[in-house]
C-alpha atoms as a PDB file:
ATOM      1  CA  MET A   1       0.019  -0.004  -0.323  1.00  0.00           C
ATOM      2  CA  SER A   2       1.432   3.359  -0.733  1.00  0.00           C
ATOM      3  CA  ARG A   3       1.931   4.995   2.470  1.00  0.00           C
ATOM      4  CA  ILE A   4       1.241   8.359   0.895  1.00  0.00           C
ATOM      5  CA  GLY A   5      -1.941   7.732  -1.071  1.00  0.00           C
ATOM      6  CA  LYS A   6      -3.301   5.853   1.498  1.00  0.00           C
ATOM      7  CA  LEU A   7      -3.733   9.015   4.107  1.00  0.00           C
ATOM      8  CA  PRO A   8      -6.523  10.770   4.182  1.00  0.00           C
ATOM      9  CA  ILE A   9      -6.816  14.572   3.268  1.00  0.00           C
ATOM     10  CA  SER A  10      -8.704  16.667   5.891  1.00  0.00           C
ATOM     11  CA  ILE A  11     -10.548  19.384   4.514  1.00  0.00           C
ATOM     12  CA  PRO A  12     -10.265  22.699   6.690  1.00  0.00           C
ATOM     13  CA  ALA A  13     -13.025  24.870   7.641  1.00  0.00           C
ATOM     14  CA  GLY A  14     -14.218  27.376   4.732  1.00  0.00           C
ATOM     15  CA  VAL A  15     -13.086  24.363   2.121  1.00  0.00           C
ATOM     16  CA  THR A  16     -14.913  23.021  -0.204  1.00  0.00           C
ATOM     17  CA  VAL A  17     -14.157  19.786  -2.471  1.00  0.00           C
ATOM     18  CA  THR A  18     -16.307  18.509  -4.644  1.00  0.00           C
ATOM     19  CA  VAL A  19     -15.922  15.372  -7.549  1.00  0.00           C
ATOM     20  CA  SER A  20     -17.633  15.713 -11.052  1.00  0.00           C
ATOM     21  CA  PRO A  21     -18.756  12.129 -12.481  1.00  0.00           C
ATOM     22  CA  GLU A  22     -15.772  13.129 -15.094  1.00  0.00           C
ATOM     23  CA  ASN A  23     -13.305  12.481 -12.144  1.00  0.00           C
ATOM     24  CA  VAL A  24     -12.457  16.303 -11.851  1.00  0.00           C
ATOM     25  CA  VAL A  25     -11.942  17.593  -8.674  1.00  0.00           C
ATOM     26  CA  LYS A  26     -12.589  20.917  -7.860  1.00  0.00           C
ATOM     27  CA  VAL A  27     -11.266  22.967  -4.140  1.00  0.00           C
ATOM     28  CA  LYS A  28     -12.851  25.953  -3.164  1.00  0.00           C
ATOM     29  CA  GLY A  29     -11.873  28.679  -0.677  1.00  0.00           C
ATOM     30  CA  PRO A  30     -11.268  31.762   0.357  1.00  0.00           C
ATOM     31  CA  LYS A  31      -7.457  32.146  -1.624  1.00  0.00           C
ATOM     32  CA  GLY A  32      -9.322  30.967  -4.506  1.00  0.00           C
ATOM     33  CA  GLN A  33     -10.199  27.873  -6.785  1.00  0.00           C
ATOM     34  CA  LEU A  34      -8.503  24.954  -8.356  1.00  0.00           C
ATOM     35  CA  GLU A  35      -9.525  22.344 -10.071  1.00  0.00           C
ATOM     36  CA  GLN A  36      -7.492  18.670 -11.101  1.00  0.00           C
ATOM     37  CA  ALA A  37      -8.376  15.828 -13.294  1.00  0.00           C
ATOM     38  CA  VAL A  38      -8.030  12.484 -12.073  1.00  0.00           C
ATOM     39  CA  ASN A  39      -7.107   9.430 -13.609  1.00  0.00           C
ATOM     40  CA  GLY A  40     -10.299   7.445 -14.148  1.00  0.00           C
ATOM     41  CA  ASP A  41      -8.920   4.223 -12.409  1.00  0.00           C
ATOM     42  CA  ILE A  42      -8.192   6.273  -8.821  1.00  0.00           C
ATOM     43  CA  THR A  43     -11.530   6.834  -7.000  1.00  0.00           C
ATOM     44  CA  VAL A  44     -11.518   9.962  -5.174  1.00  0.00           C
ATOM     45  CA  LYS A  45     -14.501   9.718  -1.889  1.00  0.00           C
ATOM     46  CA  ILE A  46     -15.682  12.302   0.164  1.00  0.00           C
ATOM     47  CA  SER A  47     -16.516  11.038   3.970  1.00  0.00           C
ATOM     48  CA  GLU A  48     -16.976  12.946   7.017  1.00  0.00           C
ATOM     49  CA  GLY A  49     -14.884  15.728   6.171  1.00  0.00           C
ATOM     50  CA  ASN A  50     -12.150  13.865   4.860  1.00  0.00           C
ATOM     51  CA  VAL A  51     -10.530  13.302   1.101  1.00  0.00           C
ATOM     52  CA  VAL A  52      -9.904   9.314   0.318  1.00  0.00           C
ATOM     53  CA  LEU A  53      -8.471   8.046  -2.703  1.00  0.00           C
ATOM     54  CA  GLU A  54      -8.442   4.501  -3.471  1.00  0.00           C
ATOM     55  CA  ARG A  55      -6.539   2.261  -6.297  1.00  0.00           C
ATOM     56  CA  PRO A  56      -7.993  -0.889  -8.084  1.00  0.00           C
ATOM     57  CA  SER A  57      -4.841  -3.353  -7.479  1.00  0.00           C
ATOM     58  CA  ASP A  58      -1.060  -3.184  -6.568  1.00  0.00           C
ATOM     59  CA  SER A  59       0.146  -2.394 -10.113  1.00  0.00           C
ATOM     60  CA  ILE A  60       3.240  -0.402 -10.258  1.00  0.00           C
ATOM     61  CA  PRO A  61       1.273   2.656 -12.550  1.00  0.00           C
ATOM     62  CA  HIS A  62      -1.598   2.643  -9.946  1.00  0.00           C
ATOM     63  CA  ARG A  63       0.856   2.754  -6.745  1.00  0.00           C
ATOM     64  CA  SER A  64       2.581   5.738  -8.650  1.00  0.00           C
ATOM     65  CA  MET A  65      -0.632   7.323  -9.517  1.00  0.00           C
ATOM     66  CA  HIS A  66      -2.073   7.032  -6.054  1.00  0.00           C
ATOM     67  CA  GLY A  67       0.237   9.033  -4.284  1.00  0.00           C
ATOM     68  CA  LEU A  68       0.619  11.652  -7.200  1.00  0.00           C
ATOM     69  CA  TYR A  69      -2.957  12.095  -7.164  1.00  0.00           C
ATOM     70  CA  ARG A  70      -3.386  12.429  -3.207  1.00  0.00           C
ATOM     71  CA  SER A  71      -0.286  15.152  -3.319  1.00  0.00           C
ATOM     72  CA  LEU A  72      -2.034  16.801  -5.946  1.00  0.00           C
ATOM     73  CA  ILE A  73      -5.035  17.257  -4.225  1.00  0.00           C
ATOM     74  CA  TYR A  74      -3.329  18.088  -0.478  1.00  0.00           C
ATOM     75  CA  ASN A  75      -1.449  20.815  -2.174  1.00  0.00           C
ATOM     76  CA  MET A  76      -4.546  22.106  -3.793  1.00  0.00           C
ATOM     77  CA  VAL A  77      -6.507  21.834  -0.081  1.00  0.00           C
ATOM     78  CA  ILE A  78      -3.080  23.963   1.090  1.00  0.00           C
ATOM     79  CA  GLY A  79      -3.177  26.489  -1.345  1.00  0.00           C
ATOM     80  CA  VAL A  80      -6.663  27.754  -1.155  1.00  0.00           C
ATOM     81  CA  SER A  81      -7.236  27.565   2.615  1.00  0.00           C
ATOM     82  CA  LYS A  82      -3.307  28.983   3.293  1.00  0.00           C
ATOM     83  CA  GLY A  83      -1.497  29.776   0.146  1.00  0.00           C
ATOM     84  CA  TRP A  84       1.816  28.928  -0.811  1.00  0.00           C
ATOM     85  CA  GLU A  85       5.211  31.703  -0.808  1.00  0.00           C
ATOM     86  CA  LYS A  86       8.138  31.146  -2.445  1.00  0.00           C
ATOM     87  CA  GLN A  87      11.161  33.704  -1.616  1.00  0.00           C
ATOM     88  CA  LEU A  88      13.849  34.221  -4.274  1.00  0.00           C
ATOM     89  CA  GLU A  89      17.311  36.347  -3.227  1.00  0.00           C
ATOM     90  CA  LEU A  90      19.644  38.010  -5.165  1.00  0.00           C
ATOM     91  CA  VAL A  91      23.160  38.115  -4.823  1.00  0.00           C
ATOM     92  CA  GLY A  92      25.566  39.738  -6.717  1.00  0.00           C
ATOM     93  CA  VAL A  93      26.687  43.779  -6.904  1.00  0.00           C
ATOM     94  CA  GLY A  94      24.368  45.880  -8.018  1.00  0.00           C
ATOM     95  CA  TYR A  95      21.460  43.131  -8.575  1.00  0.00           C
ATOM     96  CA  ARG A  96      18.155  44.999  -8.010  1.00  0.00           C
ATOM     97  CA  ALA A  97      14.836  44.130  -8.049  1.00  0.00           C
ATOM     98  CA  SER A  98      11.332  46.282  -7.897  1.00  0.00           C
ATOM     99  CA  ASN A  99       7.482  45.681  -8.945  1.00  0.00           C
ATOM    100  CA  THR A 100       4.853  47.529 -10.258  1.00  0.00           C
ATOM    101  CA  GLY A 101       1.271  45.575 -10.390  1.00  0.00           C
ATOM    102  CA  GLN A 102       2.118  42.274 -12.177  1.00  0.00           C
ATOM    103  CA  VAL A 103       5.120  43.680 -13.746  1.00  0.00           C
ATOM    104  CA  LEU A 104       8.801  42.438 -11.846  1.00  0.00           C
ATOM    105  CA  GLU A 105      11.853  44.195 -13.278  1.00  0.00           C
ATOM    106  CA  LEU A 106      15.246  42.617 -12.469  1.00  0.00           C
ATOM    107  CA  SER A 107      18.445  43.826 -12.787  1.00  0.00           C
ATOM    108  CA  LEU A 108      21.448  41.055 -13.180  1.00  0.00           C
ATOM    109  CA  GLY A 109      24.385  42.445 -14.346  1.00  0.00           C
ATOM    110  CA  PHE A 110      23.118  42.462 -17.957  1.00  0.00           C
ATOM    111  CA  SER A 111      23.046  45.648 -20.162  1.00  0.00           C
ATOM    112  CA  HIS A 112      19.310  45.363 -19.925  1.00  0.00           C
ATOM    113  CA  ASN A 113      16.960  45.273 -16.952  1.00  0.00           C
ATOM    114  CA  LEU A 114      14.583  42.206 -17.521  1.00  0.00           C
ATOM    115  CA  VAL A 115      11.391  42.598 -17.627  1.00  0.00           C
ATOM    116  CA  PHE A 116       8.936  39.306 -16.232  1.00  0.00           C
ATOM    117  CA  ARG A 117       4.845  39.732 -16.623  1.00  0.00           C
ATOM    118  CA  LEU A 118       3.383  37.389 -14.089  1.00  0.00           C
ATOM    119  CA  PRO A 119       0.191  35.790 -13.730  1.00  0.00           C
ATOM    120  CA  GLU A 120      -2.949  37.168 -12.451  1.00  0.00           C
ATOM    121  CA  GLU A 121      -2.577  34.344  -9.846  1.00  0.00           C
ATOM    122  CA  ILE A 122       0.532  35.342  -8.114  1.00  0.00           C
ATOM    123  CA  LYS A 123       0.955  38.215  -5.984  1.00  0.00           C
ATOM    124  CA  VAL A 124       4.790  39.728  -6.084  1.00  0.00           C
ATOM    125  CA  SER A 125       6.420  41.515  -3.735  1.00  0.00           C
ATOM    126  CA  THR A 126      10.221  43.045  -3.591  1.00  0.00           C
ATOM    127  CA  LYS A 127      12.032  43.565  -0.434  1.00  0.00           C
ATOM    128  CA  SER A 128      15.490  45.537  -0.636  1.00  0.00           C
ATOM    129  CA  GLU A 129      16.940  46.608   2.750  1.00  0.00           C
ATOM    130  CA  ARG A 130      20.705  48.320   3.401  1.00  0.00           C
ATOM    131  CA  ASN A 131      23.330  45.869   3.833  1.00  0.00           C
ATOM    132  CA  GLN A 132      20.952  42.666   2.770  1.00  0.00           C
ATOM    133  CA  ASN A 133      20.157  40.959  -0.627  1.00  0.00           C
ATOM    134  CA  PRO A 134      17.242  42.008  -2.138  1.00  0.00           C
ATOM    135  CA  LEU A 135      14.375  40.029  -1.847  1.00  0.00           C
ATOM    136  CA  VAL A 136      11.500  38.621  -4.519  1.00  0.00           C
ATOM    137  CA  ILE A 137       8.738  37.298  -2.644  1.00  0.00           C
ATOM    138  CA  LEU A 138       6.065  35.541  -4.625  1.00  0.00           C
ATOM    139  CA  GLU A 139       2.589  34.332  -3.318  1.00  0.00           C
ATOM    140  CA  SER A 140       0.123  31.965  -4.928  1.00  0.00           C
ATOM    141  CA  HIS A 141      -2.725  29.468  -4.171  1.00  0.00           C
ATOM    142  CA  ASP A 142      -1.675  27.292  -6.756  1.00  0.00           C
ATOM    143  CA  LYS A 143       1.555  25.496  -6.051  1.00  0.00           C
ATOM    144  CA  GLN A 144       2.333  24.374  -9.647  1.00  0.00           C
ATOM    145  CA  LEU A 145       2.188  27.560 -11.200  1.00  0.00           C
ATOM    146  CA  ILE A 146       4.127  29.468  -8.583  1.00  0.00           C
ATOM    147  CA  GLY A 147       7.280  26.630  -8.402  1.00  0.00           C
ATOM    148  CA  LEU A 148       7.121  27.219 -12.537  1.00  0.00           C
ATOM    149  CA  VAL A 149       7.178  30.788 -12.494  1.00  0.00           C
ATOM    150  CA  ALA A 150       9.983  30.566  -9.702  1.00  0.00           C
ATOM    151  CA  ASN A 151      11.962  28.572 -11.610  1.00  0.00           C
ATOM    152  CA  LYS A 152      11.577  30.773 -14.754  1.00  0.00           C
ATOM    153  CA  ILE A 153      12.867  33.838 -12.498  1.00  0.00           C
ATOM    154  CA  ARG A 154      15.752  32.005 -11.290  1.00  0.00           C
ATOM    155  CA  SER A 155      16.696  30.844 -15.055  1.00  0.00           C
ATOM    156  CA  PHE A 156      17.715  34.247 -15.887  1.00  0.00           C
ATOM    157  CA  ARG A 157      20.758  34.224 -13.762  1.00  0.00           C
ATOM    158  CA  LYS A 158      21.281  30.981 -12.084  1.00  0.00           C
ATOM    159  CA  PRO A 159      23.748  30.623  -9.040  1.00  0.00           C
ATOM    160  CA  GLU A 160      27.682  30.081 -10.229  1.00  0.00           C
ATOM    161  CA  PRO A 161      29.788  27.729  -8.144  1.00  0.00           C
ATOM    162  CA  TYR A 162      33.021  30.328  -7.514  1.00  0.00           C
ATOM    163  CA  LYS A 163      31.071  33.305  -6.274  1.00  0.00           C
ATOM    164  CA  GLY A 164      27.930  32.682  -5.402  1.00  0.00           C
ATOM    165  CA  LYS A 165      26.003  35.218  -7.446  1.00  0.00           C
ATOM    166  CA  GLY A 166      23.179  34.946  -9.090  1.00  0.00           C
ATOM    167  CA  VAL A 167      19.278  34.061  -8.161  1.00  0.00           C
ATOM    168  CA  LYS A 168      18.359  31.980  -5.617  1.00  0.00           C
ATOM    169  CA  PHE A 169      15.834  30.730  -3.305  1.00  0.00           C
ATOM    170  CA  VAL A 170      16.310  31.729   0.337  1.00  0.00           C
ATOM    171  CA  GLY A 171      17.548  29.231   2.249  1.00  0.00           C
ATOM    172  CA  GLU A 172      19.206  27.385  -1.052  1.00  0.00           C
ATOM    173  CA  VAL A 173      22.744  26.192  -0.431  1.00  0.00           C
ATOM    174  CA  ILE A 174      24.750  26.596  -3.114  1.00  0.00           C
ATOM    175  CA  ARG A 175      27.834  24.426  -3.680  1.00  0.00           C
ATOM    176  CA  ARG A 176      31.430  26.007  -4.063  1.00  0.00           C
ATOM    177  CA  LYS A 177      34.050  25.548  -6.058  1.00  0.00           C
ATOM    178  CA  ALA A 178      37.685  26.666  -4.751  1.00  0.00           C
ATOM    179  CA  GLY A 179      38.443  29.136  -7.592  1.00  0.00           C
ATOM    180  CA  LYS A 180      42.326  28.752  -9.594  1.00  0.00           C
ATOM    181  CA  SER A 181      45.253  28.241  -7.662  1.00  0.00           C
ATOM    182  CA  ALA A 182      49.221  28.370  -8.197  1.00  0.00           C
ATOM    183  CA  ASN A 183      51.518  25.322  -8.570  1.00  0.00           C
ATOM    184  CA  ALA A 184      54.374  26.337  -6.603  1.00  0.00           C
ATOM    185  CA  LYS A 185      57.561  24.851  -8.451  1.00  0.00           C
END
């Protein structure tokens, strides 16, 4: 039995979960609404304030889908009730970030500033304090979308291993390499 898949998902107050006959799970809460199509082999049941997923057999594809869909539905329930947040840190001299509405403007050491338009589902804010690296803070109810956007922003200037300059997640550990060393003869 899948350890992840067999865990029931408790539905918090203010969140409604519905399953359509086409096996589409819709989750609605104070932060927004999400939906996810579930494979026809996996059955989704709502009982006593919990969502329970069941699979027909112990075959490898059924076991993997069981845990996957349970995780996706759990992330949807948490997202519409509490929301998700990602923080990116800009490490480098002269690296800056600013936002106006849904437009994020980044200065990452290129000859021009990068302008990135964010989806409407994501709230963005920037924080620049003296003697600290600038932060870009993303908030959304959709975990998949916020992860995709955060990785896209990170891809503009990935952290390099020698000085650690670039865009990284807060708390991410960058493996550092030793630079050139002179050989004494």
